[in-house]
Amino acid sequence: MSKPTVERQNLISAVNTLPDEMLNELASFIEYLRYKTVQHQPSAPPKQNFLLTVAGIGNSGQSDISDSDEEILRNEIDPIYGWNSKPEDRP
């Protein structure tokens, strides 16, 4: 006989020797083991972190934008009025 079969036979023998009052507790424990087994089975591949997906971090296609950050800001900021993008927002 294979080892799992022998272990099952030993379990069956042990269950048969238990007093009837213990069978409800054993049944509860077996249900818990079944639940635990189902919970640990991966049902789907893990999803990527939602915030990283929304932010698109690392998906710009540019390897390093830190070298061009001053150039980007120079083009975005008005040298006189600063960050105001609308003429009516300017003083």
N, C-alpha and C. Protein backbone atom coordinates (compact mmCIF):
# COMPACT_ATOMS: atom_id res chain seq x y z
N MET A 1 0.84 -1.19 0.00
CA MET A 1 0.00 0.00 0.00
C MET A 1 0.88 1.25 0.00
N SER A 2 0.39 2.30 -0.65
CA SER A 2 1.15 3.55 -0.68
C SER A 2 1.02 4.27 0.66
N LYS A 3 1.94 5.18 0.91
CA LYS A 3 1.97 5.90 2.18
C LYS A 3 0.69 6.69 2.45
N PRO A 4 0.15 7.47 1.46
CA PRO A 4 -1.11 8.18 1.72
C PRO A 4 -2.26 7.25 2.08
N THR A 5 -2.31 6.07 1.45
CA THR A 5 -3.38 5.11 1.76
C THR A 5 -3.24 4.61 3.19
N VAL A 6 -2.02 4.33 3.62
CA VAL A 6 -1.78 3.88 4.99
C VAL A 6 -2.18 4.97 5.98
N GLU A 7 -1.81 6.23 5.66
CA GLU A 7 -2.17 7.33 6.56
C GLU A 7 -3.68 7.51 6.63
N ARG A 8 -4.37 7.37 5.51
CA ARG A 8 -5.83 7.46 5.52
C ARG A 8 -6.44 6.34 6.37
N GLN A 9 -5.89 5.15 6.23
CA GLN A 9 -6.39 4.02 7.02
C GLN A 9 -6.17 4.29 8.51
N ASN A 10 -5.03 4.86 8.85
CA ASN A 10 -4.76 5.20 10.26
C ASN A 10 -5.73 6.26 10.76
N LEU A 11 -6.04 7.24 9.93
CA LEU A 11 -7.00 8.27 10.32
C LEU A 11 -8.39 7.67 10.53
N ILE A 12 -8.79 6.79 9.62
CA ILE A 12 -10.11 6.15 9.74
C ILE A 12 -10.18 5.33 11.03
N SER A 13 -9.11 4.62 11.33
CA SER A 13 -9.06 3.82 12.57
C SER A 13 -9.14 4.73 13.78
N ALA A 14 -8.44 5.88 13.73
CA ALA A 14 -8.46 6.81 14.86
C ALA A 14 -9.85 7.42 15.04
N VAL A 15 -10.51 7.76 13.92
CA VAL A 15 -11.87 8.32 14.00
C VAL A 15 -12.82 7.30 14.60
N ASN A 16 -12.68 6.03 14.24
CA ASN A 16 -13.55 4.99 14.76
C ASN A 16 -13.39 4.77 16.26
N THR A 17 -12.24 5.17 16.80
CA THR A 17 -12.03 4.99 18.24
C THR A 17 -12.48 6.19 19.05
N LEU A 18 -12.82 7.29 18.39
CA LEU A 18 -13.26 8.49 19.12
C LEU A 18 -14.65 8.28 19.71
N PRO A 19 -14.90 8.90 20.87
CA PRO A 19 -16.26 8.87 21.41
C PRO A 19 -17.20 9.70 20.54
N ASP A 20 -18.46 9.35 20.51
CA ASP A 20 -19.44 10.03 19.66
C ASP A 20 -19.51 11.53 19.95
N GLU A 21 -19.27 11.93 21.19
CA GLU A 21 -19.33 13.35 21.54
C GLU A 21 -18.27 14.18 20.82
N MET A 22 -17.19 13.55 20.39
CA MET A 22 -16.09 14.26 19.74
C MET A 22 -16.27 14.38 18.22
N LEU A 23 -17.23 13.66 17.65
CA LEU A 23 -17.39 13.67 16.20
C LEU A 23 -17.80 15.03 15.64
N ASN A 24 -18.62 15.78 16.38
CA ASN A 24 -19.01 17.12 15.93
C ASN A 24 -17.79 18.05 15.86
N GLU A 25 -16.94 17.95 16.87
CA GLU A 25 -15.73 18.78 16.88
C GLU A 25 -14.80 18.38 15.74
N LEU A 26 -14.67 17.09 15.49
CA LEU A 26 -13.84 16.62 14.38
C LEU A 26 -14.40 17.10 13.04
N ALA A 27 -15.71 17.04 12.88
CA ALA A 27 -16.34 17.50 11.64
C ALA A 27 -16.08 18.99 11.43
N SER A 28 -16.15 19.79 12.49
CA SER A 28 -15.87 21.22 12.39
C SER A 28 -14.42 21.46 11.97
N PHE A 29 -13.52 20.69 12.55
CA PHE A 29 -12.10 20.84 12.21
C PHE A 29 -11.85 20.47 10.74
N ILE A 30 -12.48 19.42 10.28
CA ILE A 30 -12.32 19.00 8.88
C ILE A 30 -12.86 20.08 7.94
N GLU A 31 -13.99 20.68 8.28
CA GLU A 31 -14.54 21.77 7.47
C GLU A 31 -13.58 22.95 7.42
N TYR A 32 -12.96 23.25 8.57
CA TYR A 32 -11.97 24.32 8.62
C TYR A 32 -10.80 24.01 7.69
N LEU A 33 -10.31 22.78 7.71
CA LEU A 33 -9.19 22.40 6.84
C LEU A 33 -9.58 22.53 5.36
N ARG A 34 -10.80 22.15 5.02
CA ARG A 34 -11.27 22.30 3.64
C ARG A 34 -11.30 23.78 3.24
N TYR A 35 -11.85 24.60 4.13
CA TYR A 35 -11.93 26.05 3.88
C TYR A 35 -10.53 26.63 3.67
N LYS A 36 -9.61 26.26 4.55
CA LYS A 36 -8.24 26.76 4.47
C LYS A 36 -7.57 26.34 3.16
N THR A 37 -7.84 25.14 2.71
CA THR A 37 -7.26 24.64 1.47
C THR A 37 -7.79 25.42 0.27
N VAL A 38 -9.07 25.70 0.25
CA VAL A 38 -9.68 26.44 -0.85
C VAL A 38 -9.18 27.88 -0.86
N GLN A 39 -9.01 28.49 0.31
CA GLN A 39 -8.58 29.88 0.40
C GLN A 39 -7.16 30.09 -0.10
N HIS A 40 -6.30 29.11 0.02
CA HIS A 40 -4.90 29.25 -0.37
C HIS A 40 -4.63 28.88 -1.82
N GLN A 41 -5.64 28.46 -2.55
CA GLN A 41 -5.44 28.14 -3.95
C GLN A 41 -5.59 29.42 -4.77
N PRO A 42 -4.56 29.77 -5.55
CA PRO A 42 -4.68 30.99 -6.35
C PRO A 42 -5.75 30.83 -7.44
N SER A 43 -6.69 31.74 -7.46
CA SER A 43 -7.78 31.65 -8.43
C SER A 43 -7.45 32.42 -9.71
N ALA A 44 -6.68 33.48 -9.59
CA ALA A 44 -6.32 34.28 -10.75
C ALA A 44 -4.94 34.86 -10.51
N PRO A 45 -4.25 35.24 -11.57
CA PRO A 45 -2.94 35.84 -11.37
C PRO A 45 -3.09 37.15 -10.59
N PRO A 46 -2.12 37.48 -9.75
CA PRO A 46 -2.24 38.70 -8.95
C PRO A 46 -2.29 39.93 -9.85
N LYS A 47 -3.17 40.85 -9.49
CA LYS A 47 -3.31 42.08 -10.26
C LYS A 47 -2.24 43.07 -9.85
N GLN A 48 -1.89 43.95 -10.80
CA GLN A 48 -0.93 44.99 -10.49
C GLN A 48 -1.59 46.00 -9.55
N ASN A 49 -0.80 46.62 -8.71
CA ASN A 49 -1.29 47.62 -7.78
C ASN A 49 -2.11 48.67 -8.54
N PHE A 50 -3.32 48.93 -8.07
CA PHE A 50 -4.24 49.84 -8.74
C PHE A 50 -3.64 51.23 -8.91
N LEU A 51 -3.02 51.78 -7.87
CA LEU A 51 -2.48 53.13 -7.96
C LEU A 51 -1.34 53.21 -8.97
N LEU A 52 -0.50 52.18 -9.02
CA LEU A 52 0.57 52.19 -10.01
C LEU A 52 0.01 52.12 -11.43
N THR A 53 -1.06 51.39 -11.60
CA THR A 53 -1.70 51.30 -12.92
C THR A 53 -2.28 52.64 -13.34
N VAL A 54 -2.97 53.30 -12.42
CA VAL A 54 -3.58 54.58 -12.73
C VAL A 54 -2.52 55.64 -12.99
N ALA A 55 -1.49 55.66 -12.16
CA ALA A 55 -0.45 56.67 -12.30
C ALA A 55 0.42 56.42 -13.51
N GLY A 56 0.53 55.17 -13.94
CA GLY A 56 1.36 54.85 -15.09
C GLY A 56 2.84 55.01 -14.80
N ILE A 57 3.21 54.82 -13.56
CA ILE A 57 4.61 54.98 -13.18
C ILE A 57 5.47 54.00 -13.96
N GLY A 58 6.49 54.54 -14.57
CA GLY A 58 7.42 53.71 -15.31
C GLY A 58 6.98 53.39 -16.73
N ASN A 59 5.85 53.94 -17.17
CA ASN A 59 5.35 53.64 -18.51
C ASN A 59 5.47 54.81 -19.48
N SER A 60 6.31 55.78 -19.16
CA SER A 60 6.42 56.96 -20.03
C SER A 60 7.20 56.66 -21.30
N GLY A 61 8.02 55.63 -21.29
CA GLY A 61 8.83 55.32 -22.45
C GLY A 61 10.16 56.07 -22.45
N GLN A 62 10.30 57.02 -21.54
CA GLN A 62 11.55 57.75 -21.42
C GLN A 62 12.37 57.12 -20.30
N SER A 63 13.65 56.94 -20.55
CA SER A 63 14.47 56.25 -19.56
C SER A 63 14.78 57.14 -18.37
N ASP A 64 15.07 58.44 -18.59
CA ASP A 64 15.40 59.31 -17.47
C ASP A 64 15.02 60.74 -17.84
N ILE A 65 13.99 61.25 -17.21
CA ILE A 65 13.57 62.62 -17.53
C ILE A 65 14.19 63.63 -16.57
N SER A 66 14.93 63.16 -15.56
CA SER A 66 15.52 64.08 -14.60
C SER A 66 16.53 65.01 -15.26
N ASP A 67 17.15 64.58 -16.36
CA ASP A 67 18.11 65.43 -17.06
C ASP A 67 17.43 66.58 -17.79
N SER A 68 16.17 66.40 -18.15
CA SER A 68 15.48 67.43 -18.92
C SER A 68 14.44 68.17 -18.09
N ASP A 69 14.43 68.01 -16.78
CA ASP A 69 13.39 68.63 -15.97
C ASP A 69 13.45 70.15 -16.00
N GLU A 70 14.65 70.73 -16.02
CA GLU A 70 14.76 72.18 -16.06
C GLU A 70 14.24 72.73 -17.39
N GLU A 71 14.52 72.03 -18.46
CA GLU A 71 14.03 72.46 -19.78
C GLU A 71 12.51 72.40 -19.83
N ILE A 72 11.94 71.33 -19.27
CA ILE A 72 10.48 71.19 -19.24
C ILE A 72 9.86 72.32 -18.45
N LEU A 73 10.41 72.62 -17.27
CA LEU A 73 9.86 73.69 -16.44
C LEU A 73 10.04 75.05 -17.10
N ARG A 74 11.16 75.27 -17.77
CA ARG A 74 11.41 76.54 -18.46
C ARG A 74 10.34 76.78 -19.51
N ASN A 75 9.90 75.75 -20.17
CA ASN A 75 8.86 75.90 -21.20
C ASN A 75 7.47 76.05 -20.59
N GLU A 76 7.26 75.59 -19.39
CA GLU A 76 5.93 75.62 -18.76
C GLU A 76 5.70 76.90 -17.95
N ILE A 77 6.75 77.49 -17.42
CA ILE A 77 6.59 78.64 -16.54
C ILE A 77 6.82 79.93 -17.33
N ASP A 78 5.88 80.85 -17.22
CA ASP A 78 6.05 82.15 -17.83
C ASP A 78 7.12 82.90 -17.04
N PRO A 79 8.12 83.47 -17.71
CA PRO A 79 9.22 84.10 -16.98
C PRO A 79 8.78 85.31 -16.15
N ILE A 80 7.69 85.93 -16.50
CA ILE A 80 7.23 87.11 -15.76
C ILE A 80 6.12 86.75 -14.78
N TYR A 81 5.12 85.99 -15.25
CA TYR A 81 3.94 85.73 -14.44
C TYR A 81 3.98 84.41 -13.68
N GLY A 82 4.96 83.59 -13.91
CA GLY A 82 5.07 82.34 -13.18
C GLY A 82 4.17 81.25 -13.73
N TRP A 83 3.47 80.56 -12.83
CA TRP A 83 2.68 79.38 -13.19
C TRP A 83 1.32 79.70 -13.78
N ASN A 84 0.85 80.91 -13.71
CA ASN A 84 -0.49 81.24 -14.23
C ASN A 84 -0.54 80.98 -15.72
N SER A 85 -1.46 80.14 -16.12
CA SER A 85 -1.54 79.76 -17.52
C SER A 85 -2.56 80.60 -18.30
N LYS A 86 -3.50 81.23 -17.60
CA LYS A 86 -4.53 82.02 -18.27
C LYS A 86 -4.20 83.50 -18.12
N PRO A 87 -4.38 84.28 -19.17
CA PRO A 87 -4.07 85.71 -19.08
C PRO A 87 -4.88 86.40 -17.98
N GLU A 88 -6.15 85.99 -17.77
CA GLU A 88 -6.98 86.64 -16.73
C GLU A 88 -6.49 86.33 -15.33
N ASP A 89 -5.69 85.28 -15.16
CA ASP A 89 -5.15 84.93 -13.85
C ASP A 89 -3.92 85.78 -13.52
N ARG A 90 -3.38 86.45 -14.50
CA ARG A 90 -2.16 87.22 -14.29
C ARG A 90 -2.48 88.55 -13.65
N PRO A 91 -1.57 89.06 -12.80
CA PRO A 91 -1.82 90.34 -12.14
C PRO A 91 -1.76 91.53 -13.08
